[in-house]
Protein backbone atom coordinates (compact mmCIF):
# COMPACT_ATOMS: atom_id res chain seq x y z
CA MET A 1 54.02 -4.23 86.81
CA LEU A 2 57.63 -5.38 86.53
CA ALA A 3 58.43 -4.38 90.10
CA SER A 4 55.30 -6.06 91.44
CA GLU A 5 56.32 -9.33 89.83
CA GLN A 6 59.50 -9.87 91.80
CA GLY A 7 57.59 -11.69 94.54
CA LEU A 8 55.82 -13.84 91.95
CA ILE A 9 59.13 -15.05 90.54
CA GLN A 10 60.94 -15.95 93.75
CA ASN A 11 58.94 -19.05 94.58
CA SER A 12 58.67 -20.56 91.11
CA TYR A 13 59.16 -24.30 90.76
CA TYR A 14 60.49 -23.72 87.28
CA THR A 15 63.26 -21.46 88.57
CA VAL A 16 64.55 -23.89 91.18
CA SER A 17 64.40 -26.83 88.75
CA ALA A 18 65.90 -24.96 85.80
CA ASN A 19 68.86 -26.17 83.81
CA ALA A 20 72.06 -24.14 83.92
CA HIS A 21 71.42 -20.64 82.61
CA THR A 22 73.99 -19.16 80.27
CA ALA A 23 74.47 -15.48 81.04
CA TYR A 24 74.40 -13.17 78.03
CA THR A 25 76.20 -9.85 78.37
CA PRO A 26 74.32 -6.55 77.96
CA LEU A 27 74.75 -4.53 74.78
CA GLN A 28 77.58 -2.07 75.39
CA GLU A 29 78.45 -0.79 71.94
CA ASP A 30 76.94 0.32 68.65
CA VAL A 31 76.25 -2.51 66.20
CA GLU A 32 74.63 -3.14 62.84
CA VAL A 33 72.63 -6.29 62.00
CA ASP A 34 70.08 -7.45 59.51
CA VAL A 35 67.40 -8.05 62.17
CA CYS A 36 67.01 -6.85 65.75
CA VAL A 37 64.56 -8.89 67.84
CA VAL A 38 63.15 -7.18 70.94
CA GLY A 39 62.26 -9.83 73.52
CA GLY A 40 64.09 -12.97 74.64
CA GLY A 41 61.06 -15.20 75.14
CA LEU A 42 59.69 -18.04 73.06
CA ALA A 43 58.48 -15.88 70.15
CA GLY A 44 61.62 -13.77 69.92
CA LEU A 45 64.04 -16.68 70.21
CA SER A 46 62.10 -18.68 67.65
CA ALA A 47 62.21 -15.76 65.22
CA ALA A 48 65.94 -15.41 65.80
CA ILE A 49 66.60 -19.09 65.06
CA GLU A 50 64.52 -19.05 61.90
CA LEU A 51 66.09 -15.82 60.67
CA LYS A 52 69.62 -17.09 61.30
CA ASP A 53 68.76 -20.30 59.45
CA ARG A 54 67.81 -18.09 56.48
CA GLY A 55 71.18 -16.32 56.47
CA PHE A 56 70.33 -13.11 58.38
CA SER A 57 72.54 -11.64 61.09
CA VAL A 58 70.41 -11.40 64.25
CA LEU A 59 70.65 -9.65 67.61
CA VAL A 60 68.15 -10.31 70.43
CA LEU A 61 67.66 -7.57 73.05
CA GLU A 62 66.11 -8.77 76.31
CA ALA A 63 65.20 -6.29 79.06
CA GLU A 64 65.59 -8.84 81.86
CA THR A 65 66.93 -12.38 81.34
CA VAL A 66 65.99 -15.03 78.79
CA GLY A 67 62.62 -16.55 79.71
CA TRP A 68 62.00 -14.05 82.53
CA GLY A 69 58.41 -13.34 81.50
CA ALA A 70 55.49 -15.56 80.55
CA SER A 71 57.72 -17.86 78.50
CA GLY A 72 59.39 -19.13 81.66
CA ARG A 73 56.46 -19.05 84.07
CA ASN A 74 53.44 -20.46 82.24
CA GLY A 75 51.51 -23.70 82.71
CA GLY A 76 53.68 -25.55 80.23
CA GLN A 77 50.71 -26.88 78.28
CA LEU A 78 51.41 -27.52 74.62
CA ILE A 79 47.97 -27.33 72.97
CA ALA A 80 46.63 -27.11 69.43
CA GLY A 81 44.55 -24.14 68.37
CA PHE A 82 44.14 -20.58 69.57
CA ALA A 83 42.94 -19.04 72.83
CA CYS A 84 39.80 -17.93 70.99
CA ASP A 85 37.21 -20.28 69.52
CA GLN A 86 37.91 -21.21 65.91
CA SER A 87 34.68 -19.44 64.91
CA VAL A 88 36.45 -16.11 65.60
CA ILE A 89 39.04 -17.01 62.97
CA GLU A 90 36.35 -18.24 60.54
CA LYS A 91 34.47 -14.94 60.83
CA ALA A 92 37.65 -12.95 60.28
CA VAL A 93 39.19 -14.76 57.31
CA GLY A 94 36.64 -17.29 56.01
CA ILE A 95 36.45 -21.05 56.36
CA ASP A 96 39.20 -22.00 53.89
CA ALA A 97 41.75 -19.62 55.40
CA SER A 98 40.57 -20.64 58.86
CA ARG A 99 41.51 -24.23 58.03
CA ASP A 100 44.95 -23.02 57.01
CA ALA A 101 45.24 -21.12 60.29
CA TRP A 102 44.26 -24.23 62.25
CA ASP A 103 46.89 -26.23 60.37
CA ILE A 104 49.46 -23.64 61.42
CA THR A 105 48.70 -24.41 65.07
CA ILE A 106 49.07 -28.15 64.45
CA ALA A 107 52.42 -27.53 62.75
CA ALA A 108 53.38 -25.50 65.81
CA LEU A 109 53.21 -28.67 67.93
CA ASP A 110 55.56 -30.43 65.52
CA LEU A 111 57.92 -27.46 65.52
CA VAL A 112 58.39 -27.68 69.29
CA ARG A 113 59.34 -31.35 68.99
CA GLU A 114 61.71 -30.56 66.11
CA ARG A 115 63.44 -27.88 68.18
CA VAL A 116 63.74 -30.14 71.23
CA LYS A 117 65.42 -32.77 69.06
CA ARG A 118 67.60 -30.36 67.09
CA PHE A 119 69.06 -28.62 70.12
CA ASP A 120 68.83 -31.59 72.53
CA ILE A 121 66.71 -29.56 74.96
CA LYS A 122 66.04 -31.27 78.30
CA CYS A 123 62.56 -29.95 79.08
CA ASP A 124 60.51 -33.00 80.20
CA LEU A 125 58.39 -33.08 77.04
CA VAL A 126 55.36 -35.39 77.45
CA ASP A 127 52.65 -36.22 74.92
CA GLY A 128 48.94 -35.95 75.74
CA PHE A 129 46.27 -33.41 76.65
CA LEU A 130 42.82 -33.84 78.25
CA GLY A 131 40.08 -31.27 77.66
CA VAL A 132 37.33 -31.84 80.23
CA ALA A 133 33.95 -30.39 81.23
CA VAL A 134 32.71 -29.87 84.79
CA SER A 135 28.99 -30.51 84.17
CA ALA A 136 26.54 -32.09 81.74
CA GLY A 137 25.72 -28.67 80.30
CA LYS A 138 29.38 -27.79 79.81
CA ALA A 139 29.97 -31.25 78.36
CA ALA A 140 27.24 -30.77 75.76
CA ALA A 141 28.87 -27.53 74.63
CA LEU A 142 32.32 -29.12 74.59
CA LYS A 143 31.10 -32.09 72.56
CA GLU A 144 29.39 -29.79 70.08
CA TRP A 145 32.71 -27.96 69.65
CA TYR A 146 34.60 -31.25 69.34
CA GLU A 147 32.26 -32.59 66.65
CA LYS A 148 32.44 -29.33 64.71
CA MET A 149 36.24 -29.41 64.85
CA ALA A 150 36.25 -33.05 63.74
CA LYS A 151 33.97 -32.30 60.79
CA ARG A 152 35.51 -29.04 59.60
CA TYR A 153 39.15 -29.47 60.64
CA HIS A 154 39.63 -33.27 60.94
CA TYR A 155 40.67 -32.74 64.56
CA ASP A 156 39.57 -36.27 65.43
CA ALA A 157 42.56 -37.73 63.54
CA ASP A 158 44.67 -37.53 66.72
CA THR A 159 41.92 -37.26 69.33
CA GLU A 160 39.08 -39.26 70.85
CA TRP A 161 35.92 -38.30 72.71
CA ILE A 162 35.57 -39.76 76.22
CA GLU A 163 32.07 -40.50 77.48
CA PRO A 164 31.14 -39.99 81.16
CA GLY A 165 31.44 -43.67 82.03
CA ALA A 166 34.96 -43.88 80.67
CA LEU A 167 36.42 -40.63 81.97
CA GLN A 168 37.53 -42.20 85.27
CA ASN A 169 39.98 -44.29 83.21
CA TRP A 170 41.65 -41.03 82.21
CA ILE A 171 41.41 -38.89 85.34
CA ALA A 172 40.47 -39.95 88.88
CA SER A 173 38.48 -36.85 89.75
CA PRO A 174 34.83 -36.44 90.79
CA ARG A 175 34.72 -32.95 89.29
CA PHE A 176 34.55 -33.78 85.60
CA HIS A 177 31.74 -35.14 83.46
CA SER A 178 33.34 -36.04 80.12
CA GLY A 179 35.90 -34.73 77.68
CA TYR A 180 38.41 -35.60 75.00
CA HIS A 181 42.01 -36.71 74.71
CA ASP A 182 44.47 -35.20 72.24
CA ARG A 183 47.54 -37.36 71.62
CA ARG A 184 49.41 -34.71 69.63
CA SER A 185 49.32 -31.99 72.27
CA GLY A 186 51.23 -32.31 75.54
CA HIS A 187 53.28 -30.48 78.16
CA LEU A 188 56.83 -29.48 79.06
CA HIS A 189 59.02 -27.47 81.45
CA PRO A 190 58.64 -24.04 79.81
CA LEU A 191 61.64 -22.31 81.35
CA ASN A 192 63.99 -25.14 80.42
CA TYR A 193 62.55 -25.14 76.91
CA THR A 194 63.13 -21.38 76.61
CA LEU A 195 66.67 -21.61 78.00
CA GLY A 196 67.33 -24.42 75.55
CA LEU A 197 66.12 -22.32 72.63
CA ALA A 198 68.42 -19.48 73.71
CA LYS A 199 71.40 -21.82 73.96
CA GLY A 200 70.51 -23.29 70.57
CA ALA A 201 70.15 -19.86 69.01
CA ALA A 202 73.53 -18.77 70.37
CA SER A 203 75.12 -21.98 69.06
CA ILE A 204 74.19 -21.09 65.48
CA GLY A 205 75.40 -17.49 65.70
CA VAL A 206 72.53 -15.45 67.12
CA ARG A 207 73.77 -12.75 69.50
CA ILE A 208 71.70 -12.39 72.67
CA CYS A 209 72.02 -9.43 75.03
CA GLU A 210 70.28 -9.61 78.41
CA HIS A 211 69.58 -6.61 80.69
CA SER A 212 69.30 -4.46 77.56
CA PRO A 213 65.91 -2.72 77.52
CA VAL A 214 65.19 -0.68 74.41
CA ARG A 215 64.71 2.98 75.30
CA SER A 216 63.90 4.37 71.86
CA MET A 217 63.40 3.29 68.27
CA THR A 218 63.38 5.17 64.99
CA SER A 219 61.65 3.01 62.42
CA GLY A 220 63.47 4.26 59.36
CA GLU A 221 65.51 2.16 56.97
CA PRO A 222 67.61 1.13 58.74
CA ALA A 223 65.79 1.28 62.05
CA LEU A 224 67.76 2.61 65.01
CA LEU A 225 67.21 1.19 68.49
CA ARG A 226 68.94 2.56 71.58
CA THR A 227 69.58 0.86 74.92
CA ASP A 228 71.17 2.33 78.05
CA SER A 229 74.69 1.59 76.81
CA GLY A 230 74.51 0.88 73.09
CA SER A 231 72.57 1.09 69.87
CA VAL A 232 71.51 -1.16 67.01
CA LYS A 233 71.02 -0.31 63.36
CA ALA A 234 68.85 -2.95 61.72
CA ARG A 235 67.23 -3.50 58.34
CA PHE A 236 64.30 -5.16 60.12
CA VAL A 237 62.91 -5.22 63.65
CA VAL A 238 60.74 -7.87 65.34
CA LEU A 239 58.87 -6.63 68.42
CA ALA A 240 58.26 -9.71 70.59
CA GLY A 241 58.03 -8.18 74.04
CA ASN A 242 54.33 -9.04 74.32
CA VAL A 243 52.78 -7.82 77.58
CA TYR A 244 56.03 -6.16 78.72
CA LEU A 245 56.67 -4.05 75.65
CA PRO A 246 54.30 -1.22 76.65
CA GLU A 247 55.99 -0.95 80.06
CA VAL A 248 59.63 -1.43 79.14
CA ALA A 249 59.45 0.63 75.95
CA PRO A 250 56.07 2.41 75.71
CA GLN A 251 57.31 4.79 73.02
CA LEU A 252 58.09 1.98 70.56
CA ALA A 253 54.54 1.09 69.61
CA PRO A 254 51.91 2.91 71.68
CA ALA A 255 49.08 1.99 69.32
CA LEU A 256 49.80 -1.71 69.88
CA ALA A 257 49.65 -1.36 73.65
CA ARG A 258 46.01 -0.28 73.51
CA ARG A 259 45.08 -3.60 71.90
CA ILE A 260 46.35 -5.83 74.71
CA MET A 261 45.68 -6.08 78.43
CA PRO A 262 47.89 -7.65 81.13
CA VAL A 263 46.20 -10.54 82.95
CA GLY A 264 47.78 -12.15 85.97
CA THR A 265 47.84 -15.93 86.09
CA TYR A 266 49.04 -18.10 88.96
CA ILE A 267 50.26 -21.64 89.64
CA ILE A 268 51.06 -23.72 92.71
CA GLY A 269 53.39 -26.68 92.94
CA SER A 270 52.92 -29.46 95.49
CA GLU A 271 55.51 -31.52 97.22
CA PRO A 272 56.46 -34.65 95.25
CA ILE A 273 53.84 -37.35 95.60
CA ASP A 274 54.23 -41.07 95.17
CA ALA A 275 54.73 -42.01 91.50
CA ALA A 276 52.07 -44.71 91.73
CA ARG A 277 49.57 -42.22 93.16
CA ALA A 278 50.31 -39.78 90.32
CA ALA A 279 49.71 -42.56 87.80
CA GLU A 280 46.37 -43.33 89.44
CA LEU A 281 45.23 -39.71 89.27
CA ILE A 282 46.16 -39.11 85.62
CA PRO A 283 47.05 -42.50 84.08
CA SER A 284 48.12 -41.02 80.73
CA ASN A 285 50.22 -38.31 82.44
CA SER A 286 48.49 -35.79 80.17
CA ALA A 287 48.11 -32.10 80.76
CA VAL A 288 44.51 -31.24 81.73
CA CYS A 289 42.38 -28.15 81.23
CA ASP A 290 38.68 -27.63 81.82
CA SER A 291 36.36 -25.79 79.43
CA ASN A 292 35.26 -22.98 81.75
CA PHE A 293 35.92 -19.42 80.65
CA VAL A 294 37.82 -18.87 83.91
CA LEU A 295 39.48 -22.24 83.79
CA ASP A 296 41.64 -24.63 85.83
CA TYR A 297 44.65 -26.27 84.23
CA PHE A 298 47.08 -28.75 85.74
CA ARG A 299 49.60 -31.50 85.15
CA PHE A 300 52.32 -33.47 86.88
CA SER A 301 55.97 -32.42 86.70
CA ALA A 302 58.73 -34.91 85.95
CA ASP A 303 59.28 -35.38 89.70
CA HIS A 304 55.55 -36.00 90.32
CA ARG A 305 54.54 -32.63 91.72
CA MET A 306 51.05 -31.42 90.95
CA LEU A 307 51.39 -28.10 89.11
CA PHE A 308 47.97 -26.48 89.34
CA GLY A 309 46.93 -23.19 87.78
CA GLY A 310 43.57 -21.52 87.66
CA ARG A 311 43.32 -18.22 89.52
CA VAL A 312 43.58 -15.07 87.41
CA SER A 313 43.67 -11.36 88.10
CA TYR A 314 42.40 -8.77 85.65
CA SER A 315 43.52 -5.83 87.78
CA THR A 316 47.29 -6.64 87.91
CA ILE A 317 46.90 -6.98 91.71
CA THR A 318 47.87 -10.38 93.12
CA PRO A 319 44.79 -11.94 94.78
CA PRO A 320 44.96 -12.30 98.59
CA ASN A 321 45.48 -15.76 100.14
CA LEU A 322 46.52 -16.97 96.71
CA LYS A 323 48.26 -20.18 97.74
CA GLU A 324 45.45 -21.27 100.06
CA ASP A 325 42.77 -20.52 97.49
CA MET A 326 44.63 -22.41 94.79
CA GLN A 327 45.12 -25.36 97.12
CA ARG A 328 41.35 -25.48 97.75
CA ARG A 329 40.76 -25.53 94.00
CA MET A 330 43.27 -28.34 93.60
CA GLN A 331 41.55 -30.37 96.32
CA LEU A 332 38.18 -29.81 94.68
CA VAL A 333 39.58 -31.53 91.60
CA PHE A 334 41.57 -34.16 93.52
CA PRO A 335 40.27 -34.78 97.06
CA GLN A 336 42.98 -37.46 97.21
CA LEU A 337 45.53 -34.63 97.54
CA THR A 338 43.96 -33.15 100.69
CA GLY A 339 46.77 -32.53 103.13
CA THR A 340 49.44 -32.49 100.43
CA LYS A 341 51.95 -29.75 101.14
CA ILE A 342 52.24 -26.84 98.69
CA GLU A 343 55.89 -25.93 98.26
CA TYR A 344 55.73 -23.40 95.43
CA SER A 345 53.44 -20.63 94.26
CA TRP A 346 54.24 -18.21 91.47
CA GLY A 347 52.70 -16.28 88.63
CA GLY A 348 53.04 -13.58 86.04
CA PHE A 349 51.24 -11.73 83.29
CA VAL A 350 50.05 -12.69 79.83
CA ASP A 351 48.77 -10.36 77.14
CA ILE A 352 45.20 -10.85 76.01
CA THR A 353 43.38 -9.27 73.09
CA MET A 354 39.71 -8.32 72.96
CA ASN A 355 38.81 -11.39 70.88
CA ARG A 356 41.56 -13.67 72.35
CA ALA A 357 43.02 -14.18 68.86
CA PRO A 358 46.74 -13.51 68.31
CA ASP A 359 47.70 -10.08 67.04
CA PHE A 360 50.45 -10.18 64.39
CA GLY A 361 51.34 -7.53 61.88
CA ARG A 362 53.63 -4.71 60.73
CA TYR A 363 54.03 -1.52 62.73
CA ALA A 364 56.08 -0.03 59.88
CA SER A 365 57.29 -1.43 56.58
CA ASN A 366 60.34 -2.98 58.25
CA VAL A 367 59.00 -3.40 61.82
CA PHE A 368 56.99 -6.52 62.62
CA TYR A 369 55.22 -7.37 65.86
CA LEU A 370 53.94 -10.51 67.60
CA GLN A 371 51.59 -10.19 70.58
CA GLY A 372 48.25 -11.21 72.03
CA PHE A 373 48.79 -14.95 72.51
CA SER A 374 46.20 -14.67 75.31
CA GLY A 375 47.56 -17.44 77.51
CA HIS A 376 47.73 -20.01 74.71
CA GLY A 377 51.22 -19.44 73.42
CA VAL A 378 53.58 -22.25 74.40
CA ALA A 379 53.35 -23.78 70.91
CA LEU A 380 52.02 -20.83 68.90
CA THR A 381 54.85 -18.47 69.92
CA GLY A 382 57.33 -20.75 68.22
CA MET A 383 55.34 -20.83 65.01
CA ALA A 384 54.86 -17.05 65.21
CA GLY A 385 58.62 -16.67 65.13
CA LYS A 386 58.81 -18.89 62.08
CA LEU A 387 56.05 -16.97 60.27
CA VAL A 388 57.67 -13.59 60.85
CA ALA A 389 60.99 -14.97 59.61
CA GLU A 390 59.24 -16.22 56.47
CA ALA A 391 57.75 -12.75 55.97
CA ILE A 392 61.11 -10.98 56.37
CA ALA A 393 62.62 -13.45 53.90
CA GLY A 394 59.95 -12.52 51.36
CA HIS A 395 57.40 -15.29 51.85
CA SER A 396 54.70 -13.61 53.90
CA GLU A 397 51.62 -15.66 52.98
CA ARG A 398 51.20 -17.45 56.30
CA PHE A 399 52.11 -14.39 58.36
CA GLU A 400 49.67 -12.22 56.43
CA LEU A 401 46.91 -14.80 56.89
CA LEU A 402 46.99 -14.31 60.66
CA ALA A 403 47.65 -10.58 60.29
CA ARG A 404 44.24 -10.31 58.57
CA ILE A 405 42.46 -10.98 61.87
CA PRO A 406 41.06 -7.58 62.97
CA HIS A 407 41.80 -6.24 66.45
CA HIS A 408 40.37 -3.37 68.44
CA ASP A 409 41.46 -1.25 71.38
CA PHE A 410 40.10 -2.18 74.77
CA PRO A 411 37.28 0.23 75.63
CA GLY A 412 37.54 2.80 78.37
CA GLY A 413 40.92 4.29 77.67
CA LYS A 414 43.89 3.97 79.98
CA LEU A 415 41.94 4.76 83.17
CA LEU A 416 38.73 2.78 82.67
CA ARG A 417 39.62 -0.26 80.60
CA THR A 418 40.91 -2.31 83.57
CA PRO A 419 37.79 -1.75 85.74
CA ALA A 420 35.62 -2.55 82.72
CA LEU A 421 37.48 -5.81 82.18
CA VAL A 422 37.21 -6.74 85.85
CA LEU A 423 33.42 -6.27 85.72
CA GLY A 424 33.23 -8.31 82.54
CA MET A 425 35.15 -11.16 84.14
CA LEU A 426 32.78 -11.19 87.11
CA TRP A 427 30.01 -12.00 84.64
CA TYR A 428 32.00 -14.88 83.17
CA ARG A 429 32.75 -16.24 86.65
CA LEU A 430 29.03 -16.20 87.42
CA ARG A 431 28.25 -17.92 84.14
CA ASP A 432 30.81 -20.65 84.89
CA ALA A 433 29.31 -21.16 88.35
CA LEU A 434 25.77 -21.48 86.97
CA GLY A 435 26.75 -23.67 84.01
């Protein structure tokens, strides 16, 4: 999977518009620290910052470079909630704990803004998110969800429902029926945010080592982790490699790998369009996502490029004619952009769980893991890092709340689970088309 992604990285808008990247030297000696974090993405860096703030010595081991994976290539949408419906959380932990879990996701939005301010991160942070439905039937289901969330979780405090007649004031597209606006959610440049977190972490004393894949781990006390040219003894370990952990270091936590699946997701970036035209298309400059199971999501960049995502692959094989297909989807949403040149197309893999809920827990008494953000992790990854730091510091209530959510292996074993998932997704695509 890592080798197949090189082509998906080369034409990323985020890469060419990234801030200066500080290079962090590989681990080349034997060291001892309080906590070793495996993974230099949003979750791992957040954990490192929170742990350092609590007085721990911290080393981050990154197999590639900071933000190389999903943290630096995602849609950049900063959204409340989980990838799964809140009813999944209610069933798992009960309504009262489910409310606490929802509040954690709201606090995650605030945490991103706190970090941007604290470390002066230039990442084009913009407030506002539109959730929209493509048909009357989809709109009825979306409104039912919205009203339930307003009643049970007070979600309407920072949101408003938009009726069909008013939606054109929010988005100039013939594709959508109605939806809602969330003022507290938003969007940002994810790679610049991740690079900023790394720079901030380093500034407070976190050591970061790039090009340092972990080859083995003994989860004793202390744990011992070995790289190609060094080793780390650590009182605690945080595994935050997400979808890449099973490939880079399959021996670390094989049981965890069976609970996640890699899903390819792809984005195109247009040439810059006129600022006035961009303001006409999305007057609030919000991020937008539809409510389909196989969904489209899009937003404008700071230089007025349409960044449009929506095609996924459940087989780890990049779909053929990807850029052309994505451009057709973009023009279905915005016919006004017909003829607009597409200058970038890129993608990568996210880790999904069977129920789309995040999968947090302990692999051993002193080894914690964070995975399964299921494509909804720009905000939640940061809070996950904070929760695991709380747990290591002896205050595990919030971490254990989310760790109570049960997870199961994907069916079919190593050989059959991918074909089974592909067939399942064909059903969801059909359901979206008929809905």
